[in-house]
Amino acid sequence: MKIYTRTGDNGNTHLLFGEKVSKDDIRCEAYGLLDSVNSHLGMCRAITNTQYISSIILDIQQDIFTICTEVSVSNKNHHKLSKTNWGIKLIDENSIIKLEKIIDSIDKKIKLKPKFIFPGSNIQSAAIDLARTQTRSAERMLANLNKFENIINSNILKYINRLSDLLFYLARIPENEKERKYFESKNEKENS
């Protein structure tokens, strides 16, 4: 099977389960931005030297892939997701709680002072901040999609909102060697 099909040469594509739409359809824009978030997160994972951050990012990437799948289905075909045998567990309240627990854990240790933070103190934190800003772009597009088509799974918007907060905190860990070592040792204890 070739990677090119030529079916999109006229500016159209197909959503999951076959519905034909224009490539600039708001749904395509939304899952395209989420795909970009996932690529940014992949870069973050590739350059981080902190296993704690890497394992969190890998979990997030799996969630983003799930969200992309769900967003790539029109509302009229959404019910088909639960009838497939793909083993996809959609984003739910527990997914959001998981992010909040990680944020709270990092917040207890880092205790950020109320001041503006300029990204770029090192390559790892800067990469995570880029993923965070791309997440905010995806969030705006999802909000726009929700305005026009009402996203069936309301947990998606909550998850993406919480994700950008988590990425802000994850970006702060590599900025301080003492905190980075703390979270690295915490990860080792959790995995033993």
N, C-alpha and C. Protein backbone atom coordinates (compact mmCIF):
# COMPACT_ATOMS: atom_id res chain seq x y z
N MET A 1 0.85 -1.19 0.00
CA MET A 1 0.00 0.00 0.00
C MET A 1 0.88 1.24 0.00
N LYS A 2 0.62 2.14 -0.91
CA LYS A 2 1.39 3.38 -1.00
C LYS A 2 0.87 4.40 0.00
N ILE A 3 1.77 5.30 0.42
CA ILE A 3 1.36 6.33 1.37
C ILE A 3 0.50 7.40 0.70
N TYR A 4 0.71 7.60 -0.59
CA TYR A 4 -0.12 8.59 -1.28
C TYR A 4 -1.28 7.88 -1.98
N THR A 5 -2.43 8.52 -1.90
CA THR A 5 -3.64 7.92 -2.50
C THR A 5 -4.20 8.78 -3.63
N ARG A 6 -3.79 10.03 -3.66
CA ARG A 6 -4.27 11.02 -4.63
C ARG A 6 -5.72 11.44 -4.39
N THR A 7 -6.36 10.87 -3.39
CA THR A 7 -7.77 11.21 -3.15
C THR A 7 -7.92 12.60 -2.53
N GLY A 8 -6.85 13.14 -1.97
CA GLY A 8 -6.93 14.47 -1.37
C GLY A 8 -6.41 15.58 -2.25
N ASP A 9 -6.09 15.25 -3.49
CA ASP A 9 -5.50 16.25 -4.40
C ASP A 9 -6.43 17.41 -4.70
N ASN A 10 -7.71 17.23 -4.53
CA ASN A 10 -8.66 18.30 -4.84
C ASN A 10 -9.05 19.10 -3.59
N GLY A 11 -8.35 18.87 -2.47
CA GLY A 11 -8.61 19.65 -1.26
C GLY A 11 -9.64 19.05 -0.33
N ASN A 12 -10.02 17.81 -0.58
CA ASN A 12 -10.97 17.13 0.30
C ASN A 12 -10.28 15.98 1.01
N THR A 13 -10.88 15.55 2.10
CA THR A 13 -10.39 14.41 2.86
C THR A 13 -11.59 13.69 3.45
N HIS A 14 -11.33 12.60 4.13
CA HIS A 14 -12.40 11.85 4.76
C HIS A 14 -12.17 11.79 6.27
N LEU A 15 -13.22 12.04 7.01
CA LEU A 15 -13.18 11.84 8.45
C LEU A 15 -13.21 10.34 8.73
N LEU A 16 -12.94 9.97 9.94
CA LEU A 16 -13.04 8.58 10.33
C LEU A 16 -14.48 8.11 10.09
N PHE A 17 -14.65 6.95 9.57
CA PHE A 17 -15.93 6.36 9.16
C PHE A 17 -16.45 6.95 7.85
N GLY A 18 -15.56 7.63 7.09
CA GLY A 18 -15.83 7.91 5.70
C GLY A 18 -16.48 9.20 5.26
N GLU A 19 -16.91 10.05 6.16
CA GLU A 19 -17.58 11.28 5.74
C GLU A 19 -16.59 12.21 5.04
N LYS A 20 -16.94 12.68 3.85
CA LYS A 20 -16.06 13.53 3.05
C LYS A 20 -16.24 14.99 3.47
N VAL A 21 -15.09 15.68 3.71
CA VAL A 21 -15.11 17.10 4.08
C VAL A 21 -13.94 17.80 3.40
N SER A 22 -13.99 19.13 3.41
CA SER A 22 -12.88 19.93 2.91
C SER A 22 -11.73 19.85 3.92
N LYS A 23 -10.50 19.91 3.42
CA LYS A 23 -9.34 19.84 4.31
C LYS A 23 -9.26 21.01 5.27
N ASP A 24 -9.97 22.11 4.95
CA ASP A 24 -9.97 23.24 5.88
C ASP A 24 -11.21 23.22 6.79
N ASP A 25 -11.91 22.12 6.84
CA ASP A 25 -13.04 21.94 7.75
C ASP A 25 -12.54 22.16 9.18
N ILE A 26 -13.37 22.78 9.99
CA ILE A 26 -12.96 23.11 11.36
C ILE A 26 -12.55 21.86 12.15
N ARG A 27 -13.19 20.75 11.88
CA ARG A 27 -12.84 19.49 12.55
C ARG A 27 -11.43 19.06 12.15
N CYS A 28 -11.08 19.21 10.86
CA CYS A 28 -9.73 18.88 10.39
C CYS A 28 -8.70 19.81 11.01
N GLU A 29 -9.06 21.09 11.10
CA GLU A 29 -8.17 22.06 11.75
C GLU A 29 -7.90 21.65 13.20
N ALA A 30 -8.94 21.23 13.89
CA ALA A 30 -8.81 20.86 15.31
C ALA A 30 -7.91 19.64 15.48
N TYR A 31 -8.19 18.57 14.73
CA TYR A 31 -7.33 17.40 14.94
C TYR A 31 -5.94 17.61 14.35
N GLY A 32 -5.81 18.51 13.38
CA GLY A 32 -4.49 18.85 12.87
C GLY A 32 -3.64 19.56 13.92
N LEU A 33 -4.26 20.49 14.66
CA LEU A 33 -3.53 21.16 15.73
C LEU A 33 -3.19 20.18 16.85
N LEU A 34 -4.08 19.26 17.15
CA LEU A 34 -3.79 18.25 18.17
C LEU A 34 -2.63 17.35 17.72
N ASP A 35 -2.58 17.04 16.44
CA ASP A 35 -1.47 16.26 15.89
C ASP A 35 -0.16 17.03 16.07
N SER A 36 -0.23 18.33 15.87
CA SER A 36 0.94 19.18 16.06
C SER A 36 1.37 19.18 17.54
N VAL A 37 0.40 19.24 18.44
CA VAL A 37 0.70 19.15 19.88
C VAL A 37 1.46 17.85 20.15
N ASN A 38 0.96 16.76 19.57
CA ASN A 38 1.60 15.47 19.80
C ASN A 38 3.04 15.44 19.28
N SER A 39 3.27 16.08 18.15
CA SER A 39 4.63 16.16 17.61
C SER A 39 5.54 16.99 18.52
N HIS A 40 5.03 18.11 19.00
CA HIS A 40 5.79 18.94 19.95
C HIS A 40 6.12 18.13 21.20
N LEU A 41 5.14 17.37 21.69
CA LEU A 41 5.38 16.55 22.88
C LEU A 41 6.42 15.47 22.60
N GLY A 42 6.40 14.93 21.39
CA GLY A 42 7.42 13.96 21.01
C GLY A 42 8.82 14.56 21.06
N MET A 43 8.94 15.79 20.60
CA MET A 43 10.23 16.47 20.68
C MET A 43 10.65 16.66 22.14
N CYS A 44 9.69 17.05 22.98
CA CYS A 44 9.98 17.23 24.41
C CYS A 44 10.49 15.94 25.02
N ARG A 45 9.81 14.85 24.70
CA ARG A 45 10.19 13.55 25.25
C ARG A 45 11.57 13.13 24.75
N ALA A 46 11.88 13.46 23.50
CA ALA A 46 13.17 13.08 22.91
C ALA A 46 14.34 13.82 23.55
N ILE A 47 14.11 15.05 23.99
CA ILE A 47 15.24 15.83 24.51
C ILE A 47 15.31 15.89 26.03
N THR A 48 14.28 15.42 26.72
CA THR A 48 14.34 15.51 28.17
C THR A 48 15.28 14.46 28.74
N ASN A 49 15.95 14.82 29.81
CA ASN A 49 16.81 13.85 30.49
C ASN A 49 16.21 13.49 31.85
N THR A 50 14.92 13.76 31.99
CA THR A 50 14.22 13.47 33.24
C THR A 50 13.14 12.43 32.96
N GLN A 51 13.32 11.23 33.49
CA GLN A 51 12.38 10.13 33.24
C GLN A 51 10.98 10.48 33.73
N TYR A 52 10.88 11.22 34.82
CA TYR A 52 9.58 11.63 35.36
C TYR A 52 8.78 12.39 34.29
N ILE A 53 9.42 13.37 33.67
CA ILE A 53 8.77 14.17 32.63
C ILE A 53 8.46 13.30 31.41
N SER A 54 9.42 12.48 31.01
CA SER A 54 9.25 11.64 29.83
C SER A 54 8.05 10.70 29.97
N SER A 55 7.88 10.08 31.14
CA SER A 55 6.78 9.13 31.30
C SER A 55 5.43 9.84 31.31
N ILE A 56 5.37 11.03 31.90
CA ILE A 56 4.13 11.81 31.88
C ILE A 56 3.78 12.20 30.45
N ILE A 57 4.78 12.66 29.70
CA ILE A 57 4.54 13.09 28.33
C ILE A 57 4.06 11.92 27.47
N LEU A 58 4.63 10.74 27.64
CA LEU A 58 4.20 9.58 26.85
C LEU A 58 2.72 9.27 27.14
N ASP A 59 2.32 9.32 28.39
CA ASP A 59 0.90 9.11 28.73
C ASP A 59 0.01 10.16 28.05
N ILE A 60 0.47 11.41 28.08
CA ILE A 60 -0.29 12.50 27.46
C ILE A 60 -0.39 12.27 25.95
N GLN A 61 0.70 11.83 25.32
CA GLN A 61 0.67 11.59 23.88
C GLN A 61 -0.38 10.53 23.52
N GLN A 62 -0.49 9.52 24.35
CA GLN A 62 -1.50 8.50 24.10
C GLN A 62 -2.91 9.10 24.22
N ASP A 63 -3.10 9.97 25.22
CA ASP A 63 -4.39 10.64 25.37
C ASP A 63 -4.69 11.55 24.18
N ILE A 64 -3.68 12.28 23.73
CA ILE A 64 -3.87 13.18 22.58
C ILE A 64 -4.25 12.37 21.34
N PHE A 65 -3.62 11.22 21.16
CA PHE A 65 -3.97 10.36 20.02
C PHE A 65 -5.44 9.95 20.11
N THR A 66 -5.89 9.60 21.31
CA THR A 66 -7.29 9.23 21.52
C THR A 66 -8.21 10.41 21.20
N ILE A 67 -7.83 11.60 21.66
CA ILE A 67 -8.65 12.80 21.39
C ILE A 67 -8.69 13.07 19.89
N CYS A 68 -7.55 12.95 19.22
CA CYS A 68 -7.52 13.14 17.75
C CYS A 68 -8.50 12.18 17.08
N THR A 69 -8.49 10.95 17.52
CA THR A 69 -9.40 9.96 16.94
C THR A 69 -10.84 10.39 17.13
N GLU A 70 -11.17 10.80 18.34
CA GLU A 70 -12.55 11.19 18.61
C GLU A 70 -12.96 12.44 17.84
N VAL A 71 -12.06 13.41 17.75
CA VAL A 71 -12.37 14.65 17.03
C VAL A 71 -12.47 14.40 15.53
N SER A 72 -11.82 13.34 15.04
CA SER A 72 -11.86 13.06 13.60
C SER A 72 -13.13 12.33 13.18
N VAL A 73 -14.08 12.22 14.08
CA VAL A 73 -15.37 11.58 13.80
C VAL A 73 -16.46 12.64 13.89
N SER A 74 -17.31 12.71 12.89
CA SER A 74 -18.41 13.68 12.94
C SER A 74 -19.39 13.28 14.04
N ASN A 75 -20.17 14.24 14.50
CA ASN A 75 -21.15 13.97 15.55
C ASN A 75 -22.13 12.87 15.14
N LYS A 76 -22.51 12.86 13.87
CA LYS A 76 -23.49 11.86 13.45
C LYS A 76 -22.93 10.45 13.45
N ASN A 77 -21.60 10.31 13.42
CA ASN A 77 -20.98 8.99 13.46
C ASN A 77 -20.30 8.68 14.79
N HIS A 78 -20.40 9.60 15.74
CA HIS A 78 -19.70 9.44 17.02
C HIS A 78 -20.06 8.13 17.72
N HIS A 79 -21.29 7.73 17.63
CA HIS A 79 -21.75 6.50 18.29
C HIS A 79 -20.99 5.27 17.80
N LYS A 80 -20.41 5.34 16.61
CA LYS A 80 -19.68 4.20 16.06
C LYS A 80 -18.37 3.94 16.80
N LEU A 81 -17.84 4.96 17.47
CA LEU A 81 -16.60 4.77 18.22
C LEU A 81 -16.75 3.70 19.27
N SER A 82 -17.87 3.68 19.96
CA SER A 82 -18.06 2.68 21.02
C SER A 82 -18.35 1.29 20.45
N LYS A 83 -18.68 1.22 19.18
CA LYS A 83 -18.99 -0.07 18.57
C LYS A 83 -17.79 -0.70 17.88
N THR A 84 -16.65 -0.02 17.89
CA THR A 84 -15.46 -0.57 17.25
C THR A 84 -14.70 -1.44 18.23
N ASN A 85 -13.84 -2.25 17.72
CA ASN A 85 -13.01 -3.11 18.56
C ASN A 85 -11.58 -2.58 18.66
N TRP A 86 -11.43 -1.28 18.57
CA TRP A 86 -10.10 -0.69 18.60
C TRP A 86 -9.51 -0.62 19.99
N GLY A 87 -10.32 -0.81 21.00
CA GLY A 87 -9.83 -0.74 22.37
C GLY A 87 -9.55 0.68 22.82
N ILE A 88 -10.17 1.65 22.21
CA ILE A 88 -9.95 3.05 22.58
C ILE A 88 -10.80 3.39 23.79
N LYS A 89 -10.14 3.85 24.85
CA LYS A 89 -10.86 4.33 26.02
C LYS A 89 -10.91 5.84 25.91
N LEU A 90 -12.11 6.38 25.72
CA LEU A 90 -12.24 7.81 25.50
C LEU A 90 -11.87 8.60 26.75
N ILE A 91 -11.52 9.86 26.54
CA ILE A 91 -11.16 10.74 27.65
C ILE A 91 -12.38 10.91 28.55
N ASP A 92 -12.15 10.70 29.84
CA ASP A 92 -13.25 10.82 30.79
C ASP A 92 -12.81 11.66 31.99
N GLU A 93 -13.67 11.74 32.97
CA GLU A 93 -13.38 12.54 34.18
C GLU A 93 -12.10 12.08 34.86
N ASN A 94 -11.85 10.78 34.86
CA ASN A 94 -10.62 10.26 35.49
C ASN A 94 -9.37 10.74 34.77
N SER A 95 -9.45 10.94 33.48
CA SER A 95 -8.31 11.47 32.72
C SER A 95 -7.95 12.87 33.20
N ILE A 96 -8.96 13.65 33.49
CA ILE A 96 -8.76 15.03 33.96
C ILE A 96 -8.22 15.02 35.39
N ILE A 97 -8.78 14.18 36.23
CA ILE A 97 -8.32 14.07 37.62
C ILE A 97 -6.86 13.66 37.67
N LYS A 98 -6.46 12.76 36.77
CA LYS A 98 -5.06 12.32 36.71
C LYS A 98 -4.13 13.51 36.46
N LEU A 99 -4.50 14.38 35.51
CA LEU A 99 -3.69 15.56 35.24
C LEU A 99 -3.65 16.49 36.44
N GLU A 100 -4.80 16.69 37.08
CA GLU A 100 -4.86 17.57 38.24
C GLU A 100 -3.98 17.08 39.37
N LYS A 101 -3.93 15.77 39.58
CA LYS A 101 -3.08 15.21 40.65
C LYS A 101 -1.61 15.47 40.36
N ILE A 102 -1.21 15.35 39.11
CA ILE A 102 0.18 15.62 38.74
C ILE A 102 0.49 17.10 38.95
N ILE A 103 -0.42 17.97 38.53
CA ILE A 103 -0.22 19.41 38.72
C ILE A 103 -0.06 19.72 40.20
N ASP A 104 -0.95 19.18 41.03
CA ASP A 104 -0.89 19.44 42.48
C ASP A 104 0.41 18.93 43.08
N SER A 105 0.87 17.77 42.63
CA SER A 105 2.12 17.20 43.13
C SER A 105 3.32 18.10 42.80
N ILE A 106 3.36 18.59 41.57
CA ILE A 106 4.46 19.47 41.16
C ILE A 106 4.35 20.81 41.89
N ASP A 107 3.14 21.33 42.01
CA ASP A 107 2.92 22.61 42.67
C ASP A 107 3.41 22.60 44.12
N LYS A 108 3.18 21.49 44.82
CA LYS A 108 3.63 21.38 46.22
C LYS A 108 5.14 21.51 46.34
N LYS A 109 5.85 20.96 45.37
CA LYS A 109 7.30 20.97 45.42
C LYS A 109 7.90 22.27 44.89
N ILE A 110 7.38 22.78 43.81
CA ILE A 110 8.01 23.94 43.16
C ILE A 110 7.63 25.26 43.81
N LYS A 111 6.39 25.40 44.21
CA LYS A 111 5.91 26.64 44.86
C LYS A 111 6.33 27.88 44.05
N LEU A 112 5.71 28.04 42.90
CA LEU A 112 6.04 29.17 42.03
C LEU A 112 5.69 30.50 42.66
N LYS A 113 6.57 31.45 42.46
CA LYS A 113 6.30 32.81 42.94
C LYS A 113 5.43 33.53 41.91
N PRO A 114 4.60 34.47 42.37
CA PRO A 114 3.74 35.20 41.43
C PRO A 114 4.56 36.19 40.58
N LYS A 115 5.08 35.71 39.47
CA LYS A 115 5.84 36.55 38.55
C LYS A 115 5.75 35.96 37.16
N PHE A 116 6.02 36.77 36.17
CA PHE A 116 6.02 36.29 34.80
C PHE A 116 7.26 35.43 34.58
N ILE A 117 7.07 34.38 33.81
CA ILE A 117 8.18 33.49 33.48
C ILE A 117 8.40 33.57 31.98
N PHE A 118 9.63 33.86 31.60
CA PHE A 118 9.96 33.94 30.19
C PHE A 118 10.57 32.61 29.75
N PRO A 119 9.96 31.94 28.79
CA PRO A 119 10.48 30.66 28.33
C PRO A 119 11.88 30.81 27.76
N GLY A 120 12.67 29.74 27.89
CA GLY A 120 13.97 29.72 27.23
C GLY A 120 15.16 29.59 28.15
N SER A 121 14.95 29.27 29.43
CA SER A 121 16.11 29.15 30.30
C SER A 121 16.97 27.93 29.94
N ASN A 122 16.36 26.92 29.31
CA ASN A 122 17.11 25.80 28.76
C ASN A 122 16.25 25.14 27.68
N ILE A 123 16.85 24.25 26.91
CA ILE A 123 16.16 23.67 25.75
C ILE A 123 14.97 22.81 26.16
N GLN A 124 15.09 22.11 27.27
CA GLN A 124 13.99 21.23 27.70
C GLN A 124 12.76 22.03 28.11
N SER A 125 12.95 23.02 28.95
CA SER A 125 11.79 23.81 29.39
C SER A 125 11.21 24.62 28.23
N ALA A 126 12.08 25.10 27.34
CA ALA A 126 11.59 25.87 26.18
C ALA A 126 10.74 24.98 25.27
N ALA A 127 11.16 23.73 25.07
CA ALA A 127 10.40 22.81 24.22
C ALA A 127 9.03 22.51 24.83
N ILE A 128 9.00 22.32 26.14
CA ILE A 128 7.72 22.05 26.80
C ILE A 128 6.82 23.28 26.72
N ASP A 129 7.40 24.47 26.85
CA ASP A 129 6.60 25.69 26.71
C ASP A 129 6.04 25.83 25.29
N LEU A 130 6.80 25.41 24.29
CA LEU A 130 6.27 25.43 22.91
C LEU A 130 5.08 24.47 22.79
N ALA A 131 5.20 23.31 23.39
CA ALA A 131 4.07 22.36 23.38
C ALA A 131 2.86 22.96 24.10
N ARG A 132 3.13 23.69 25.17
CA ARG A 132 2.04 24.34 25.92
C ARG A 132 1.33 25.38 25.06
N THR A 133 2.07 26.20 24.35
CA THR A 133 1.43 27.23 23.53
C THR A 133 0.66 26.60 22.36
N GLN A 134 1.19 25.51 21.82
CA GLN A 134 0.48 24.81 20.75
C GLN A 134 -0.80 24.17 21.30
N THR A 135 -0.75 23.73 22.55
CA THR A 135 -1.93 23.18 23.21
C THR A 135 -3.00 24.25 23.35
N ARG A 136 -2.60 25.46 23.70
CA ARG A 136 -3.56 26.57 23.80
C ARG A 136 -4.19 26.87 22.43
N SER A 137 -3.40 26.78 21.36
CA SER A 137 -3.97 26.98 20.01
C SER A 137 -4.99 25.90 19.70
N ALA A 138 -4.67 24.67 20.05
CA ALA A 138 -5.61 23.57 19.83
C ALA A 138 -6.87 23.78 20.67
N GLU A 139 -6.69 24.27 21.87
CA GLU A 139 -7.84 24.53 22.75
C GLU A 139 -8.78 25.58 22.14
N ARG A 140 -8.20 26.62 21.56
CA ARG A 140 -9.03 27.65 20.92
C ARG A 140 -9.79 27.08 19.73
N MET A 141 -9.13 26.23 18.95
CA MET A 141 -9.80 25.62 17.80
C MET A 141 -10.90 24.66 18.26
N LEU A 142 -10.64 23.90 19.33
CA LEU A 142 -11.67 23.01 19.86
C LEU A 142 -12.86 23.80 20.40
N ALA A 143 -12.59 24.95 21.03
CA ALA A 143 -13.68 25.81 21.51
C ALA A 143 -14.51 26.30 20.33
N ASN A 144 -13.84 26.64 19.24
CA ASN A 144 -14.53 27.07 18.03
C ASN A 144 -15.37 25.93 17.45
N LEU A 145 -14.80 24.74 17.39
CA LEU A 145 -15.54 23.56 16.91
C LEU A 145 -16.76 23.32 17.80
N ASN A 146 -16.57 23.45 19.10
CA ASN A 146 -17.67 23.23 20.04
C ASN A 146 -18.80 24.23 19.83
N LYS A 147 -18.44 25.45 19.46
CA LYS A 147 -19.45 26.48 19.18
C LYS A 147 -20.33 26.09 18.00
N PHE A 148 -19.70 25.53 16.98
CA PHE A 148 -20.42 25.22 15.74
C PHE A 148 -21.04 23.83 15.72
N GLU A 149 -20.38 22.86 16.34
CA GLU A 149 -20.85 21.49 16.23
C GLU A 149 -21.08 20.80 17.57
N ASN A 150 -20.79 21.46 18.66
CA ASN A 150 -21.00 20.90 19.99
C ASN A 150 -20.28 19.56 20.15
N ILE A 151 -19.06 19.61 20.63
CA ILE A 151 -18.27 18.39 20.85
C ILE A 151 -19.03 17.48 21.81
N ILE A 152 -19.26 16.27 21.40
CA ILE A 152 -20.08 15.34 22.19
C ILE A 152 -19.43 15.02 23.54
N ASN A 153 -18.13 14.76 23.55
CA ASN A 153 -17.44 14.45 24.79
C ASN A 153 -16.91 15.75 25.41
N SER A 154 -17.64 16.30 26.36
CA SER A 154 -17.25 17.58 26.97
C SER A 154 -15.96 17.47 27.77
N ASN A 155 -15.51 16.26 28.07
CA ASN A 155 -14.26 16.08 28.80
C ASN A 155 -13.05 16.47 27.97
N ILE A 156 -13.19 16.48 26.66
CA ILE A 156 -12.06 16.85 25.79
C ILE A 156 -11.61 18.28 26.07
N LEU A 157 -12.53 19.22 26.09
CA LEU A 157 -12.16 20.62 26.35
C LEU A 157 -11.55 20.78 27.73
N LYS A 158 -12.10 20.11 28.72
CA LYS A 158 -11.55 20.19 30.08
C LYS A 158 -10.14 19.62 30.12
N TYR A 159 -9.96 18.48 29.46
CA TYR A 159 -8.65 17.84 29.46
C TYR A 159 -7.60 18.76 28.83
N ILE A 160 -7.90 19.31 27.68
CA ILE A 160 -6.93 20.17 26.98
C ILE A 160 -6.62 21.42 27.80
N ASN A 161 -7.62 21.97 28.47
CA ASN A 161 -7.39 23.12 29.33
C ASN A 161 -6.44 22.76 30.47
N ARG A 162 -6.68 21.63 31.10
CA ARG A 162 -5.83 21.19 32.19
C ARG A 162 -4.44 20.83 31.70
N LEU A 163 -4.37 20.28 30.48
CA LEU A 163 -3.08 19.89 29.92
C LEU A 163 -2.16 21.09 29.77
N SER A 164 -2.68 22.21 29.32
CA SER A 164 -1.80 23.38 29.16
C SER A 164 -1.27 23.84 30.52
N ASP A 165 -2.09 23.71 31.57
CA ASP A 165 -1.61 24.03 32.92
C ASP A 165 -0.50 23.07 33.35
N LEU A 166 -0.71 21.79 33.09
CA LEU A 166 0.31 20.79 33.45
C LEU A 166 1.61 21.05 32.70
N LEU A 167 1.52 21.35 31.42
CA LEU A 167 2.73 21.61 30.64
C LEU A 167 3.48 22.82 31.17
N PHE A 168 2.75 23.83 31.65
CA PHE A 168 3.41 24.97 32.27
C PHE A 168 4.26 24.51 33.45
N TYR A 169 3.70 23.67 34.29
CA TYR A 169 4.43 23.17 35.45
C TYR A 169 5.57 22.24 35.05
N LEU A 170 5.34 21.35 34.09
CA LEU A 170 6.42 20.47 33.66
C LEU A 170 7.60 21.25 33.12
N ALA A 171 7.33 22.37 32.47
CA ALA A 171 8.42 23.19 31.91
C ALA A 171 9.26 23.83 33.00
N ARG A 172 8.71 23.96 34.18
CA ARG A 172 9.47 24.58 35.27
C ARG A 172 10.46 23.61 35.90
N ILE A 173 10.20 22.31 35.82
CA ILE A 173 11.08 21.32 36.47
C ILE A 173 12.51 21.38 35.94
N PRO A 174 12.73 21.39 34.62
CA PRO A 174 14.13 21.40 34.15
C PRO A 174 14.85 22.73 34.40
N GLU A 175 14.14 23.73 34.83
CA GLU A 175 14.77 25.03 35.08
C GLU A 175 15.59 25.05 36.37
N ASN A 176 15.37 24.08 37.24
CA ASN A 176 16.05 24.05 38.53
C ASN A 176 16.58 22.65 38.77
N GLU A 177 17.88 22.51 38.89
CA GLU A 177 18.53 21.21 39.04
C GLU A 177 18.03 20.46 40.28
N LYS A 178 17.84 21.18 41.38
CA LYS A 178 17.38 20.54 42.62
C LYS A 178 15.99 19.92 42.43
N GLU A 179 15.09 20.66 41.80
CA GLU A 179 13.75 20.14 41.57
C GLU A 179 13.76 19.00 40.55
N ARG A 180 14.58 19.12 39.53
CA ARG A 180 14.68 18.06 38.54
C ARG A 180 15.11 16.76 39.20
N LYS A 181 16.11 16.82 40.09
CA LYS A 181 16.60 15.62 40.78
C LYS A 181 15.52 15.05 41.70
N TYR A 182 14.76 15.91 42.35
CA TYR A 182 13.67 15.44 43.22
C TYR A 182 12.66 14.63 42.42
N PHE A 183 12.22 15.17 41.29
CA PHE A 183 11.20 14.48 40.49
C PHE A 183 11.76 13.22 39.84
N GLU A 184 13.05 13.22 39.52
CA GLU A 184 13.67 12.02 38.98
C GLU A 184 13.68 10.91 40.04
N SER A 185 14.04 11.26 41.28
CA SER A 185 14.05 10.24 42.34
C SER A 185 12.63 9.79 42.67
N LYS A 186 11.66 10.69 42.60
CA LYS A 186 10.26 10.34 42.84
C LYS A 186 9.80 9.31 41.81
N ASN A 187 10.19 9.51 40.56
CA ASN A 187 9.82 8.57 39.49
C ASN A 187 10.43 7.20 39.74
N GLU A 188 11.69 7.17 40.19
CA GLU A 188 12.36 5.90 40.47
C GLU A 188 11.64 5.14 41.58
N LYS A 189 11.20 5.85 42.62
CA LYS A 189 10.48 5.22 43.74
C LYS A 189 9.14 4.66 43.27
N GLU A 190 8.43 5.41 42.42
CA GLU A 190 7.11 4.97 41.93
C GLU A 190 7.25 3.74 41.03
N ASN A 191 8.36 3.61 40.33
CA ASN A 191 8.55 2.49 39.40
C ASN A 191 9.19 1.27 40.04
N SER A 192 9.60 1.38 41.34
CA SER A 192 10.21 0.20 41.97
C SER A 192 9.18 -0.66 42.65
